Amino acid sequence: MAEDRHAWVEPGAFEVAPGVHRIPLPLPTDGLRAVNIYAIESGDGLVLVDSGWALEVAERQLEEALGTLGYDFSDIQRFLVTHVHRDHYTLGVALRRIYGSKIALGIGEQPSLERIMARRLDGQVGEMVRWGATSLMEEWREQFVERDERETPARYEEPDEWFDGTTKIDLGDRTLVALPTPGHTQGHVVFVDEQAGVLFAGDHVLPHITPSIGFQPAPAKLPLGDYLDSLRLVRSYPDLRLLPAHGPVTPSVHARVDELLAHHEERLAETLAAVRDGAGTAFDAARRLGWTRRHRRFDDLDLFNKTLAAGETAAHLDVLVARGDLQSSTVDGVVAYAVTPPGC
């Protein structure tokens, strides 16, 4: 069963709808294993949904996969990018520098992209103060911020086009709809192809995992609230096949969206219980919760996943405040949470 679960990462080009091919590209860590990009045949060329991480091994694997379809890099006319994370955006930037293909991105990504390009990558550090996670802050700064300020900006450039709101994309024999779905990032978009019966979902809807919420260079005010609204928006469309960025193609967007909505309601209840049990900050609450499908202890996670876990917890706490279940106050930059008294 484990082997079948990860069969989707095998290299190649796999037709998932007429004229649409899934191409998995490798990632340098074991966590996500690979990212799916999707090559859409359009006229005498290609449009790609997402591009992969700017790594030599990914570039080589993409070139080989396109070759099996009878195309090469010069045939890529546009990259339609779901969000600004490097495993989706940066290989497109690298290839554009050589071949001149165009890149389109959701306008909600503009604040984070500006910070990345200006080497202002400490936005997450400020969030850690808010969460009461100062014990993670210096370690994060040393391990990630200083490295990324040296290496990351060179991989990024502005797109050629910003998707501003719901946007129709004419590809000749098909029309896609770019649909803003903030949550995982502020500018995340998905691409709806009702005629082909598919949703290019990026990281918004994933078949086996829940995407991280809102841990960005330019943080959103209520990222989980945005994400839940975006799930409901996608749910309002006809049911489509799910073409995710990570994981296998699955038959029903609706079924997975229903699971994700139920998961977050359960998580909200668990987070509320943690505050009732005495947790005062997001960091305190995160340490009382189980993580991953195996319900691992917070202290057993690595630094990167501890940070994501604290951010996820803060996102749930802020929704509970918005719903009136909790109250919050800020002292010296740290947000403290308490159960709302009856009658308030």
Foldseek 3Di string as FASTA:
>chain_A
DVCVFPVVQDAAWDDPFVQKTWGWFADPDPPQGTWIKIWGDFDQATEIEFDAAPDPRRQVSVQVRVVVVVDGLLRHAEYEYQADPRGGPQNVVVSCVPNVHFYEFAPQRVVQLVCLLVLNQCQLLLVCLQQVNPVLNVVCCVPPSVVSSVPPNVSDDDGPYHDYAWDWDDRPVFIWIWHAQFWLHRRGTKIDTVVRQEIAQEQLFDDADHRQTQSGSDGDPQRVVSSLVSLVVVLPDPWGWYDYGGTDIGGTSNVRSVVVVVVLVVVLVLLLVLQVVPQWGLLSSLQVWFDDPVRHGLVPDDSVVNSSSSRSSVSSQVVCVVVQQWDWDADPSYITIHGHDPPD
